[in-house]
Amino acid sequence: MDEVKRVIGVIAENPLRYSIRVGNWRRANLRRFPHGVFYQVIGDQPVVFAVLHAKRDHGPILESRRPTD
C-alpha cells in the first residue's frame, strides 16, 4: 500500500509525467511489484481508475471503467 500511495502522490504532483499507453490511459508502474496504476487526466486533474497486475489483459478491464460525462 505504501508503494501505491507513493505513486499516486507522484501522479498528483505531475499528472503528465507518465506517457499515454492506450487510448487516453496513462500507466505508472510500481517499484518492486508487477502492477501499474492506470489513470486519465480529466481537465487538469488525474483520476485513478485501477491498479492492475502487469500480466493482465488491461483493455477489457479499462474499457469497463470509462469515465462518464
C-alpha atoms as a PDB file:
ATOM      1  CA  MET A   1       0.000   0.000   0.000  1.00  0.00           C
ATOM      2  CA  ASP A   2       2.858   2.376   0.720  1.00  0.00           C
ATOM      3  CA  GLU A   3       4.125   1.981  -2.840  1.00  0.00           C
ATOM      4  CA  VAL A   4       0.670   2.642  -4.317  1.00  0.00           C
ATOM      5  CA  LYS A   5       0.355   5.778  -2.165  1.00  0.00           C
ATOM      6  CA  ARG A   6       3.813   6.916  -3.273  1.00  0.00           C
ATOM      7  CA  VAL A   7       2.992   6.515  -6.963  1.00  0.00           C
ATOM      8  CA  ILE A   8      -0.365   8.253  -6.585  1.00  0.00           C
ATOM      9  CA  GLY A   9       1.473  11.130  -4.894  1.00  0.00           C
ATOM     10  CA  VAL A  10       3.858  11.381  -7.859  1.00  0.00           C
ATOM     11  CA  ILE A  11       0.878  11.369 -10.240  1.00  0.00           C
ATOM     12  CA  ALA A  12      -0.827  14.116  -8.196  1.00  0.00           C
ATOM     13  CA  GLU A  13       2.282  16.319  -8.351  1.00  0.00           C
ATOM     14  CA  ASN A  14       2.806  15.881 -12.092  1.00  0.00           C
ATOM     15  CA  PRO A  15      -0.106  14.194 -13.911  1.00  0.00           C
ATOM     16  CA  LEU A  16       1.571  14.351 -17.340  1.00  0.00           C
ATOM     17  CA  ARG A  17       4.763  12.642 -16.171  1.00  0.00           C
ATOM     18  CA  TYR A  18       3.756   9.200 -17.424  1.00  0.00           C
ATOM     19  CA  SER A  19       3.116   8.512 -21.094  1.00  0.00           C
ATOM     20  CA  ILE A  20      -0.180   7.558 -22.664  1.00  0.00           C
ATOM     21  CA  ARG A  21      -0.227   3.798 -23.229  1.00  0.00           C
ATOM     22  CA  VAL A  22      -3.609   3.001 -24.804  1.00  0.00           C
ATOM     23  CA  GLY A  23      -6.330   5.459 -25.794  1.00  0.00           C
ATOM     24  CA  ASN A  24      -6.242   8.109 -23.049  1.00  0.00           C
ATOM     25  CA  TRP A  25      -4.864   5.755 -20.395  1.00  0.00           C
ATOM     26  CA  ARG A  26      -1.602   6.514 -18.659  1.00  0.00           C
ATOM     27  CA  ARG A  27       0.237   3.894 -16.614  1.00  0.00           C
ATOM     28  CA  ALA A  28       2.614   4.472 -13.713  1.00  0.00           C
ATOM     29  CA  ASN A  29       4.478   1.299 -12.764  1.00  0.00           C
ATOM     30  CA  LEU A  30       5.075   0.355  -9.161  1.00  0.00           C
ATOM     31  CA  ARG A  31       8.600  -0.417  -7.968  1.00  0.00           C
ATOM     32  CA  ARG A  32       9.264  -3.988  -6.872  1.00  0.00           C
ATOM     33  CA  PHE A  33       5.711  -5.081  -7.729  1.00  0.00           C
ATOM     34  CA  PRO A  34       4.418  -6.138 -11.154  1.00  0.00           C
ATOM     35  CA  HIS A  35       1.495  -3.708 -11.028  1.00  0.00           C
ATOM     36  CA  GLY A  36       0.623  -0.415 -12.643  1.00  0.00           C
ATOM     37  CA  VAL A  37      -1.612   2.498 -11.691  1.00  0.00           C
ATOM     38  CA  PHE A  38      -3.890   3.345 -14.617  1.00  0.00           C
ATOM     39  CA  TYR A  39      -5.292   6.843 -14.781  1.00  0.00           C
ATOM     40  CA  GLN A  40      -6.523   9.595 -17.047  1.00  0.00           C
ATOM     41  CA  VAL A  41      -6.098  13.337 -16.840  1.00  0.00           C
ATOM     42  CA  ILE A  42      -9.566  14.877 -16.971  1.00  0.00           C
ATOM     43  CA  GLY A  43      -9.464  18.641 -17.203  1.00  0.00           C
ATOM     44  CA  ASP A  44      -6.288  19.249 -15.246  1.00  0.00           C
ATOM     45  CA  GLN A  45      -6.912  16.576 -12.591  1.00  0.00           C
ATOM     46  CA  PRO A  46      -5.595  12.999 -12.607  1.00  0.00           C
ATOM     47  CA  VAL A  47      -8.261  10.369 -11.955  1.00  0.00           C
ATOM     48  CA  VAL A  48      -7.072   6.884 -10.960  1.00  0.00           C
ATOM     49  CA  PHE A  49      -9.271   4.090 -12.303  1.00  0.00           C
ATOM     50  CA  ALA A  50      -7.365   0.920 -11.459  1.00  0.00           C
ATOM     51  CA  VAL A  51      -4.270  -0.738 -10.048  1.00  0.00           C
ATOM     52  CA  LEU A  52      -3.713  -3.835 -12.176  1.00  0.00           C
ATOM     53  CA  HIS A  53      -1.193  -6.662 -12.435  1.00  0.00           C
ATOM     54  CA  ALA A  54       1.175  -6.200 -15.368  1.00  0.00           C
ATOM     55  CA  LYS A  55       0.368  -9.612 -16.884  1.00  0.00           C
ATOM     56  CA  ARG A  56      -3.390  -8.961 -17.117  1.00  0.00           C
ATOM     57  CA  ASP A  57      -5.184  -8.036 -20.329  1.00  0.00           C
ATOM     58  CA  HIS A  58      -5.827  -4.394 -19.462  1.00  0.00           C
ATOM     59  CA  GLY A  59      -8.033  -3.499 -22.429  1.00  0.00           C
ATOM     60  CA  PRO A  60     -11.348  -5.045 -21.333  1.00  0.00           C
ATOM     61  CA  ILE A  61     -10.861  -4.003 -17.717  1.00  0.00           C
ATOM     62  CA  LEU A  62     -10.135  -0.376 -18.567  1.00  0.00           C
ATOM     63  CA  GLU A  63     -12.881  -0.258 -21.184  1.00  0.00           C
ATOM     64  CA  SER A  64     -15.431  -1.079 -18.484  1.00  0.00           C
ATOM     65  CA  ARG A  65     -14.127   1.806 -16.352  1.00  0.00           C
ATOM     66  CA  ARG A  66     -14.536   4.643 -18.806  1.00  0.00           C
ATOM     67  CA  PRO A  67     -15.413   7.988 -17.255  1.00  0.00           C
ATOM     68  CA  THR A  68     -18.991   9.128 -17.739  1.00  0.00           C
ATOM     69  CA  ASP A  69     -19.837  12.617 -18.904  1.00  0.00           C
END
